[in-house]
């Protein structure tokens, strides 16, 4: 990764931050982006000196376009931005809330590819983020499952549209990240323990597990339009 420049949209927490750390550790120049200044400042304070942080509302076309117009060339674009997961029964979902989740997680990724792709150097890539809910949804996951499937279809379409630029995605199972912070800590820990015991590998995922998948897709030069599943075997049981 030495000499590579990596833009991480949503790179201030969870799998995005873990990927930023891993890329920086291997010599990449890292730029992290979030909609909240306090998250950007906190991430920069924990990353090696000299790395960049920017505050951008990734659901705003104007701000996304402006960001890429001034950021310059880079090698890899990672989109992992997202709010805490919306898990709710279909009958009680507020439609405006559902649309807001799509606006960031799907349209945000769409705009990042639209405005960021022209800045990516030859041999670079775009990596989007999905989840196994798209192929194995549970009750309450209608919005999450829809977004995951849409992102994976977008990945394939972009790989054709932007060829020879490589476009791939990483699909996650349950990860121990801030996405679940809406659940009380005690209940959250019980969820992790119970879910982990049910998985073939015996534990839930950690952000560092996810980072390895992103780095693989940056280094590997022959895959495009693909979704790598990092789920501890949850789609098997």
C-alpha atoms as a PDB file:
ATOM      1  CA  UNK A   1       0.000   0.000   0.000  1.00  0.00           C
ATOM      2  CA  UNK A   2       3.014   2.293   0.173  1.00  0.00           C
ATOM      3  CA  UNK A   3       2.569   5.237  -2.167  1.00  0.00           C
ATOM      4  CA  UNK A   4      -1.185   4.679  -2.537  1.00  0.00           C
ATOM      5  CA  UNK A   5      -3.779   7.277  -1.582  1.00  0.00           C
ATOM      6  CA  UNK A   6      -7.025   5.943  -0.106  1.00  0.00           C
ATOM      7  CA  UNK A   7     -10.256   7.914   0.412  1.00  0.00           C
ATOM      8  CA  UNK A   8     -12.551   6.417   3.054  1.00  0.00           C
ATOM      9  CA  UNK A   9     -16.079   7.823   3.123  1.00  0.00           C
ATOM     10  CA  UNK A  10     -17.289   6.781   6.554  1.00  0.00           C
ATOM     11  CA  UNK A  11     -13.720   6.144   7.649  1.00  0.00           C
ATOM     12  CA  UNK A  12     -14.038   7.563  11.158  1.00  0.00           C
ATOM     13  CA  UNK A  13     -15.637   4.577  12.912  1.00  0.00           C
ATOM     14  CA  UNK A  14     -16.279   0.838  12.670  1.00  0.00           C
ATOM     15  CA  UNK A  15     -15.015  -1.048   9.640  1.00  0.00           C
ATOM     16  CA  UNK A  16     -14.118   2.203   7.878  1.00  0.00           C
ATOM     17  CA  UNK A  17     -11.786   3.327  10.650  1.00  0.00           C
ATOM     18  CA  UNK A  18     -10.254  -0.152  10.957  1.00  0.00           C
ATOM     19  CA  UNK A  19      -9.549  -0.062   7.218  1.00  0.00           C
ATOM     20  CA  UNK A  20      -8.030   3.411   7.513  1.00  0.00           C
ATOM     21  CA  UNK A  21      -5.759   2.160  10.310  1.00  0.00           C
ATOM     22  CA  UNK A  22      -4.713  -0.923   8.345  1.00  0.00           C
ATOM     23  CA  UNK A  23      -4.019   1.023   5.146  1.00  0.00           C
ATOM     24  CA  UNK A  24      -2.027   3.670   7.029  1.00  0.00           C
ATOM     25  CA  UNK A  25      -0.051   0.997   8.836  1.00  0.00           C
ATOM     26  CA  UNK A  26       0.996  -0.401   5.455  1.00  0.00           C
ATOM     27  CA  UNK A  27       2.175   2.973   4.189  1.00  0.00           C
ATOM     28  CA  UNK A  28      -0.873   4.385   2.402  1.00  0.00           C
ATOM     29  CA  UNK A  29      -1.832   8.051   2.516  1.00  0.00           C
ATOM     30  CA  UNK A  30      -5.299   8.050   4.053  1.00  0.00           C
ATOM     31  CA  UNK A  31      -8.162  10.549   3.856  1.00  0.00           C
ATOM     32  CA  UNK A  32     -11.127   9.946   6.177  1.00  0.00           C
ATOM     33  CA  UNK A  33     -14.508  11.594   5.656  1.00  0.00           C
ATOM     34  CA  UNK A  34     -17.549  11.913   7.902  1.00  0.00           C
ATOM     35  CA  UNK A  35     -20.525  14.222   8.250  1.00  0.00           C
ATOM     36  CA  UNK A  36     -19.581  15.074  11.853  1.00  0.00           C
ATOM     37  CA  UNK A  37     -16.559  17.190  12.725  1.00  0.00           C
ATOM     38  CA  UNK A  38     -16.139  15.599  16.145  1.00  0.00           C
ATOM     39  CA  UNK A  39     -15.851  12.149  14.543  1.00  0.00           C
ATOM     40  CA  UNK A  40     -13.307  13.390  12.030  1.00  0.00           C
ATOM     41  CA  UNK A  41     -11.228  15.049  14.768  1.00  0.00           C
ATOM     42  CA  UNK A  42     -11.358  11.925  16.920  1.00  0.00           C
ATOM     43  CA  UNK A  43     -10.313   9.675  14.044  1.00  0.00           C
ATOM     44  CA  UNK A  44      -7.417  11.925  13.049  1.00  0.00           C
ATOM     45  CA  UNK A  45      -6.183  11.975  16.642  1.00  0.00           C
ATOM     46  CA  UNK A  46      -5.971   8.154  16.592  1.00  0.00           C
ATOM     47  CA  UNK A  47      -4.360   7.800  13.153  1.00  0.00           C
ATOM     48  CA  UNK A  48      -0.698   8.431  12.215  1.00  0.00           C
ATOM     49  CA  UNK A  49       0.251  12.084  11.826  1.00  0.00           C
ATOM     50  CA  UNK A  50      -0.075  13.694   8.431  1.00  0.00           C
ATOM     51  CA  UNK A  51      -3.314  12.023   7.389  1.00  0.00           C
ATOM     52  CA  UNK A  52      -6.301  14.057   6.221  1.00  0.00           C
ATOM     53  CA  UNK A  53      -9.842  14.413   7.517  1.00  0.00           C
ATOM     54  CA  UNK A  54     -12.801  16.174   5.907  1.00  0.00           C
ATOM     55  CA  UNK A  55     -16.357  16.940   6.992  1.00  0.00           C
ATOM     56  CA  UNK A  56     -18.822  16.156   4.187  1.00  0.00           C
ATOM     57  CA  UNK A  57     -22.541  15.380   4.244  1.00  0.00           C
ATOM     58  CA  UNK A  58     -22.438  12.276   2.063  1.00  0.00           C
ATOM     59  CA  UNK A  59     -26.179  12.464   1.402  1.00  0.00           C
ATOM     60  CA  UNK A  60     -25.763  15.912  -0.192  1.00  0.00           C
ATOM     61  CA  UNK A  61     -24.954  15.896  -3.909  1.00  0.00           C
ATOM     62  CA  UNK A  62     -23.601  19.432  -3.733  1.00  0.00           C
ATOM     63  CA  UNK A  63     -21.167  18.588  -0.924  1.00  0.00           C
ATOM     64  CA  UNK A  64     -20.055  15.287  -2.471  1.00  0.00           C
ATOM     65  CA  UNK A  65     -19.418  16.950  -5.834  1.00  0.00           C
ATOM     66  CA  UNK A  66     -17.510  19.809  -4.186  1.00  0.00           C
ATOM     67  CA  UNK A  67     -15.364  17.399  -2.159  1.00  0.00           C
ATOM     68  CA  UNK A  68     -14.217  15.409  -5.179  1.00  0.00           C
ATOM     69  CA  UNK A  69     -13.657  18.544  -7.239  1.00  0.00           C
ATOM     70  CA  UNK A  70     -10.916  19.658  -4.838  1.00  0.00           C
ATOM     71  CA  UNK A  71      -9.472  16.440  -3.365  1.00  0.00           C
ATOM     72  CA  UNK A  72      -7.215  15.583  -6.333  1.00  0.00           C
ATOM     73  CA  UNK A  73      -6.162  12.164  -7.621  1.00  0.00           C
ATOM     74  CA  UNK A  74      -6.164   9.019  -5.514  1.00  0.00           C
ATOM     75  CA  UNK A  75      -5.989   5.232  -5.887  1.00  0.00           C
ATOM     76  CA  UNK A  76      -8.831   3.666  -3.933  1.00  0.00           C
ATOM     77  CA  UNK A  77     -12.267   4.812  -2.805  1.00  0.00           C
ATOM     78  CA  UNK A  78     -14.009   3.010   0.070  1.00  0.00           C
ATOM     79  CA  UNK A  79     -17.632   3.764   0.926  1.00  0.00           C
ATOM     80  CA  UNK A  80     -18.669   2.447   4.344  1.00  0.00           C
ATOM     81  CA  UNK A  81     -20.808   5.352   5.582  1.00  0.00           C
ATOM     82  CA  UNK A  82     -24.055   4.583   7.357  1.00  0.00           C
ATOM     83  CA  UNK A  83     -26.204   5.324  10.351  1.00  0.00           C
ATOM     84  CA  UNK A  84     -27.175   2.767  12.980  1.00  0.00           C
ATOM     85  CA  UNK A  85     -29.153  -0.001  11.351  1.00  0.00           C
ATOM     86  CA  UNK A  86     -32.917   0.384  10.950  1.00  0.00           C
ATOM     87  CA  UNK A  87     -34.475  -2.801  12.350  1.00  0.00           C
ATOM     88  CA  UNK A  88     -38.229  -2.481  12.574  1.00  0.00           C
ATOM     89  CA  UNK A  89     -41.388  -4.313  11.570  1.00  0.00           C
ATOM     90  CA  UNK A  90     -42.795  -3.316   8.204  1.00  0.00           C
ATOM     91  CA  UNK A  91     -46.107  -2.174   9.688  1.00  0.00           C
ATOM     92  CA  UNK A  92     -44.463   0.429  11.942  1.00  0.00           C
ATOM     93  CA  UNK A  93     -41.665   1.765   9.712  1.00  0.00           C
ATOM     94  CA  UNK A  94     -41.796   5.506   9.128  1.00  0.00           C
ATOM     95  CA  UNK A  95     -41.369   6.049   5.397  1.00  0.00           C
ATOM     96  CA  UNK A  96     -39.338   9.228   5.728  1.00  0.00           C
ATOM     97  CA  UNK A  97     -36.896   7.384   7.976  1.00  0.00           C
ATOM     98  CA  UNK A  98     -36.663   4.530   5.493  1.00  0.00           C
ATOM     99  CA  UNK A  99     -35.977   6.957   2.644  1.00  0.00           C
ATOM    100  CA  UNK A 100     -33.263   8.676   4.700  1.00  0.00           C
ATOM    101  CA  UNK A 101     -31.414   5.389   5.142  1.00  0.00           C
ATOM    102  CA  UNK A 102     -31.528   4.781   1.400  1.00  0.00           C
ATOM    103  CA  UNK A 103     -30.401   8.349   0.758  1.00  0.00           C
ATOM    104  CA  UNK A 104     -27.123   7.815   2.589  1.00  0.00           C
ATOM    105  CA  UNK A 105     -26.337   4.135   2.163  1.00  0.00           C
ATOM    106  CA  UNK A 106     -27.403   3.712  -1.479  1.00  0.00           C
ATOM    107  CA  UNK A 107     -27.524   7.161  -3.071  1.00  0.00           C
ATOM    108  CA  UNK A 108     -24.454   8.206  -1.109  1.00  0.00           C
ATOM    109  CA  UNK A 109     -22.512   5.310  -2.639  1.00  0.00           C
ATOM    110  CA  UNK A 110     -23.964   6.134  -6.056  1.00  0.00           C
ATOM    111  CA  UNK A 111     -22.836   9.770  -5.832  1.00  0.00           C
ATOM    112  CA  UNK A 112     -19.409   8.800  -4.549  1.00  0.00           C
ATOM    113  CA  UNK A 113     -18.886   6.633  -7.619  1.00  0.00           C
ATOM    114  CA  UNK A 114     -20.334   9.265  -9.952  1.00  0.00           C
ATOM    115  CA  UNK A 115     -18.172  12.141  -8.760  1.00  0.00           C
ATOM    116  CA  UNK A 116     -15.134  10.255  -7.439  1.00  0.00           C
ATOM    117  CA  UNK A 117     -14.417   7.807 -10.259  1.00  0.00           C
ATOM    118  CA  UNK A 118     -12.775  10.370 -12.551  1.00  0.00           C
ATOM    119  CA  UNK A 119     -10.143  11.089  -9.874  1.00  0.00           C
ATOM    120  CA  UNK A 120      -9.023   7.469  -9.513  1.00  0.00           C
ATOM    121  CA  UNK A 121      -5.648   6.601 -10.991  1.00  0.00           C
ATOM    122  CA  UNK A 122      -5.113   3.675 -13.371  1.00  0.00           C
ATOM    123  CA  UNK A 123      -5.123   0.395 -11.443  1.00  0.00           C
ATOM    124  CA  UNK A 124      -7.259   1.799  -8.632  1.00  0.00           C
ATOM    125  CA  UNK A 125     -10.654   0.711  -7.389  1.00  0.00           C
ATOM    126  CA  UNK A 126     -13.954   1.503  -5.715  1.00  0.00           C
ATOM    127  CA  UNK A 127     -15.131  -0.703  -2.846  1.00  0.00           C
ATOM    128  CA  UNK A 128     -18.698  -0.450  -1.548  1.00  0.00           C
ATOM    129  CA  UNK A 129     -20.234  -1.992   1.576  1.00  0.00           C
ATOM    130  CA  UNK A 130     -23.153  -4.404   1.840  1.00  0.00           C
ATOM    131  CA  UNK A 131     -24.452  -7.007   4.290  1.00  0.00           C
ATOM    132  CA  UNK A 132     -25.697 -10.577   4.351  1.00  0.00           C
ATOM    133  CA  UNK A 133     -29.211  -9.322   5.119  1.00  0.00           C
ATOM    134  CA  UNK A 134     -29.555  -8.967   1.363  1.00  0.00           C
ATOM    135  CA  UNK A 135     -29.405 -12.739   0.882  1.00  0.00           C
ATOM    136  CA  UNK A 136     -30.638 -13.909   4.272  1.00  0.00           C
ATOM    137  CA  UNK A 137     -32.974 -11.302   5.782  1.00  0.00           C
ATOM    138  CA  UNK A 138     -34.564 -11.636   9.189  1.00  0.00           C
ATOM    139  CA  UNK A 139     -37.815 -10.116  10.397  1.00  0.00           C
ATOM    140  CA  UNK A 140     -37.469  -6.379  10.739  1.00  0.00           C
ATOM    141  CA  UNK A 141     -34.791  -6.132   8.061  1.00  0.00           C
ATOM    142  CA  UNK A 142     -36.894  -5.055   5.063  1.00  0.00           C
ATOM    143  CA  UNK A 143     -35.064  -1.738   4.661  1.00  0.00           C
ATOM    144  CA  UNK A 144     -31.598  -3.134   5.420  1.00  0.00           C
ATOM    145  CA  UNK A 145     -32.060  -6.108   3.092  1.00  0.00           C
ATOM    146  CA  UNK A 146     -33.300  -3.867   0.287  1.00  0.00           C
ATOM    147  CA  UNK A 147     -30.305  -1.545   0.599  1.00  0.00           C
ATOM    148  CA  UNK A 148     -27.820  -4.434   0.680  1.00  0.00           C
ATOM    149  CA  UNK A 149     -29.238  -6.003  -2.469  1.00  0.00           C
ATOM    150  CA  UNK A 150     -29.363  -2.635  -4.219  1.00  0.00           C
ATOM    151  CA  UNK A 151     -25.720  -1.905  -3.377  1.00  0.00           C
ATOM    152  CA  UNK A 152     -24.597  -5.275  -4.729  1.00  0.00           C
ATOM    153  CA  UNK A 153     -26.493  -4.690  -7.978  1.00  0.00           C
ATOM    154  CA  UNK A 154     -24.947  -1.217  -8.147  1.00  0.00           C
ATOM    155  CA  UNK A 155     -21.510  -2.786  -7.734  1.00  0.00           C
ATOM    156  CA  UNK A 156     -22.012  -5.020 -10.763  1.00  0.00           C
ATOM    157  CA  UNK A 157     -23.454  -2.191 -12.870  1.00  0.00           C
ATOM    158  CA  UNK A 158     -20.598   0.170 -11.974  1.00  0.00           C
ATOM    159  CA  UNK A 159     -18.006  -2.484 -12.824  1.00  0.00           C
ATOM    160  CA  UNK A 160     -19.407  -2.516 -16.366  1.00  0.00           C
ATOM    161  CA  UNK A 161     -20.079   1.225 -16.578  1.00  0.00           C
ATOM    162  CA  UNK A 162     -16.661   2.325 -15.278  1.00  0.00           C
ATOM    163  CA  UNK A 163     -14.495  -0.389 -16.839  1.00  0.00           C
ATOM    164  CA  UNK A 164     -11.518  -0.821 -16.668  1.00  0.00           C
ATOM    165  CA  UNK A 165     -11.806   0.720 -13.183  1.00  0.00           C
ATOM    166  CA  UNK A 166     -12.441  -2.118 -10.740  1.00  0.00           C
ATOM    167  CA  UNK A 167     -15.568  -1.919  -8.563  1.00  0.00           C
ATOM    168  CA  UNK A 168     -16.255  -4.472  -5.827  1.00  0.00           C
ATOM    169  CA  UNK A 169     -18.134  -4.753  -2.538  1.00  0.00           C
ATOM    170  CA  UNK A 170     -17.701  -6.371   0.855  1.00  0.00           C
ATOM    171  CA  UNK A 171     -20.761  -7.941   2.473  1.00  0.00           C
ATOM    172  CA  UNK A 172     -20.661  -8.328   6.244  1.00  0.00           C
ATOM    173  CA  UNK A 173     -22.324 -10.512   8.759  1.00  0.00           C
ATOM    174  CA  UNK A 174     -22.677  -9.385  12.359  1.00  0.00           C
ATOM    175  CA  UNK A 175     -19.771  -7.129  13.335  1.00  0.00           C
ATOM    176  CA  UNK A 176     -18.933  -5.636  16.712  1.00  0.00           C
ATOM    177  CA  UNK A 177     -19.189  -2.001  15.604  1.00  0.00           C
ATOM    178  CA  UNK A 178     -20.936   1.257  16.462  1.00  0.00           C
ATOM    179  CA  UNK A 179     -23.807   0.362  14.122  1.00  0.00           C
ATOM    180  CA  UNK A 180     -25.400  -1.508  17.006  1.00  0.00           C
ATOM    181  CA  UNK A 181     -24.946   1.214  19.621  1.00  0.00           C
ATOM    182  CA  UNK A 182     -28.677   1.935  19.524  1.00  0.00           C
ATOM    183  CA  UNK A 183     -29.123  -1.256  21.562  1.00  0.00           C
ATOM    184  CA  UNK A 184     -28.351  -1.013  25.316  1.00  0.00           C
ATOM    185  CA  UNK A 185     -24.842  -2.283  26.070  1.00  0.00           C
ATOM    186  CA  UNK A 186     -25.933  -5.257  28.177  1.00  0.00           C
ATOM    187  CA  UNK A 187     -28.410  -6.420  25.529  1.00  0.00           C
ATOM    188  CA  UNK A 188     -25.817  -5.797  22.833  1.00  0.00           C
ATOM    189  CA  UNK A 189     -23.243  -8.002  24.546  1.00  0.00           C
ATOM    190  CA  UNK A 190     -25.801 -10.783  24.963  1.00  0.00           C
ATOM    191  CA  UNK A 191     -26.601 -10.478  21.251  1.00  0.00           C
ATOM    192  CA  UNK A 192     -22.919 -10.763  20.305  1.00  0.00           C
ATOM    193  CA  UNK A 193     -22.396 -13.778  22.555  1.00  0.00           C
ATOM    194  CA  UNK A 194     -25.518 -15.616  21.458  1.00  0.00           C
ATOM    195  CA  UNK A 195     -24.997 -14.895  17.755  1.00  0.00           C
ATOM    196  CA  UNK A 196     -21.316 -15.793  17.955  1.00  0.00           C
ATOM    197  CA  UNK A 197     -21.994 -19.203  19.473  1.00  0.00           C
ATOM    198  CA  UNK A 198     -24.358 -19.983  16.594  1.00  0.00           C
ATOM    199  CA  UNK A 199     -21.718 -19.253  13.932  1.00  0.00           C
ATOM    200  CA  UNK A 200     -19.346 -21.894  12.536  1.00  0.00           C
ATOM    201  CA  UNK A 201     -16.307 -19.901  13.702  1.00  0.00           C
ATOM    202  CA  UNK A 202     -17.795 -19.353  17.174  1.00  0.00           C
ATOM    203  CA  UNK A 203     -17.677 -15.561  17.378  1.00  0.00           C
ATOM    204  CA  UNK A 204     -18.982 -12.385  15.759  1.00  0.00           C
ATOM    205  CA  UNK A 205     -16.782 -10.308  13.508  1.00  0.00           C
ATOM    206  CA  UNK A 206     -14.437  -7.535  14.557  1.00  0.00           C
ATOM    207  CA  UNK A 207     -13.677  -4.392  12.502  1.00  0.00           C
ATOM    208  CA  UNK A 208     -10.157  -5.699  11.900  1.00  0.00           C
ATOM    209  CA  UNK A 209     -11.616  -8.749  10.143  1.00  0.00           C
ATOM    210  CA  UNK A 210     -13.454  -6.457   7.767  1.00  0.00           C
ATOM    211  CA  UNK A 211     -10.381  -4.335   7.060  1.00  0.00           C
ATOM    212  CA  UNK A 212      -8.552  -7.356   5.655  1.00  0.00           C
ATOM    213  CA  UNK A 213     -11.236  -7.785   2.992  1.00  0.00           C
ATOM    214  CA  UNK A 214     -10.962  -4.158   1.878  1.00  0.00           C
ATOM    215  CA  UNK A 215      -7.173  -4.331   1.669  1.00  0.00           C
ATOM    216  CA  UNK A 216      -7.373  -7.549  -0.326  1.00  0.00           C
ATOM    217  CA  UNK A 217      -9.638  -5.899  -2.897  1.00  0.00           C
ATOM    218  CA  UNK A 218      -7.274  -2.940  -3.156  1.00  0.00           C
ATOM    219  CA  UNK A 219      -4.246  -5.161  -3.775  1.00  0.00           C
ATOM    220  CA  UNK A 220      -5.820  -7.848  -5.947  1.00  0.00           C
ATOM    221  CA  UNK A 221      -5.997  -6.684  -9.575  1.00  0.00           C
ATOM    222  CA  UNK A 222      -8.285  -9.162 -11.358  1.00  0.00           C
ATOM    223  CA  UNK A 223     -11.670  -9.042  -9.620  1.00  0.00           C
ATOM    224  CA  UNK A 224     -14.431  -6.612 -10.522  1.00  0.00           C
ATOM    225  CA  UNK A 225     -18.181  -6.595 -10.012  1.00  0.00           C
ATOM    226  CA  UNK A 226     -17.758  -9.063  -7.150  1.00  0.00           C
ATOM    227  CA  UNK A 227     -19.015  -9.155  -3.580  1.00  0.00           C
ATOM    228  CA  UNK A 228     -16.785 -10.752  -0.951  1.00  0.00           C
ATOM    229  CA  UNK A 229     -18.721 -12.171   2.004  1.00  0.00           C
ATOM    230  CA  UNK A 230     -17.154 -11.789   5.458  1.00  0.00           C
ATOM    231  CA  UNK A 231     -19.735 -13.309   7.791  1.00  0.00           C
ATOM    232  CA  UNK A 232     -18.246 -16.033   9.983  1.00  0.00           C
ATOM    233  CA  UNK A 233     -20.392 -18.523   8.091  1.00  0.00           C
ATOM    234  CA  UNK A 234     -23.750 -16.975   8.983  1.00  0.00           C
ATOM    235  CA  UNK A 235     -25.191 -17.685   5.528  1.00  0.00           C
ATOM    236  CA  UNK A 236     -24.516 -21.406   6.078  1.00  0.00           C
ATOM    237  CA  UNK A 237     -26.442 -21.964   9.309  1.00  0.00           C
END
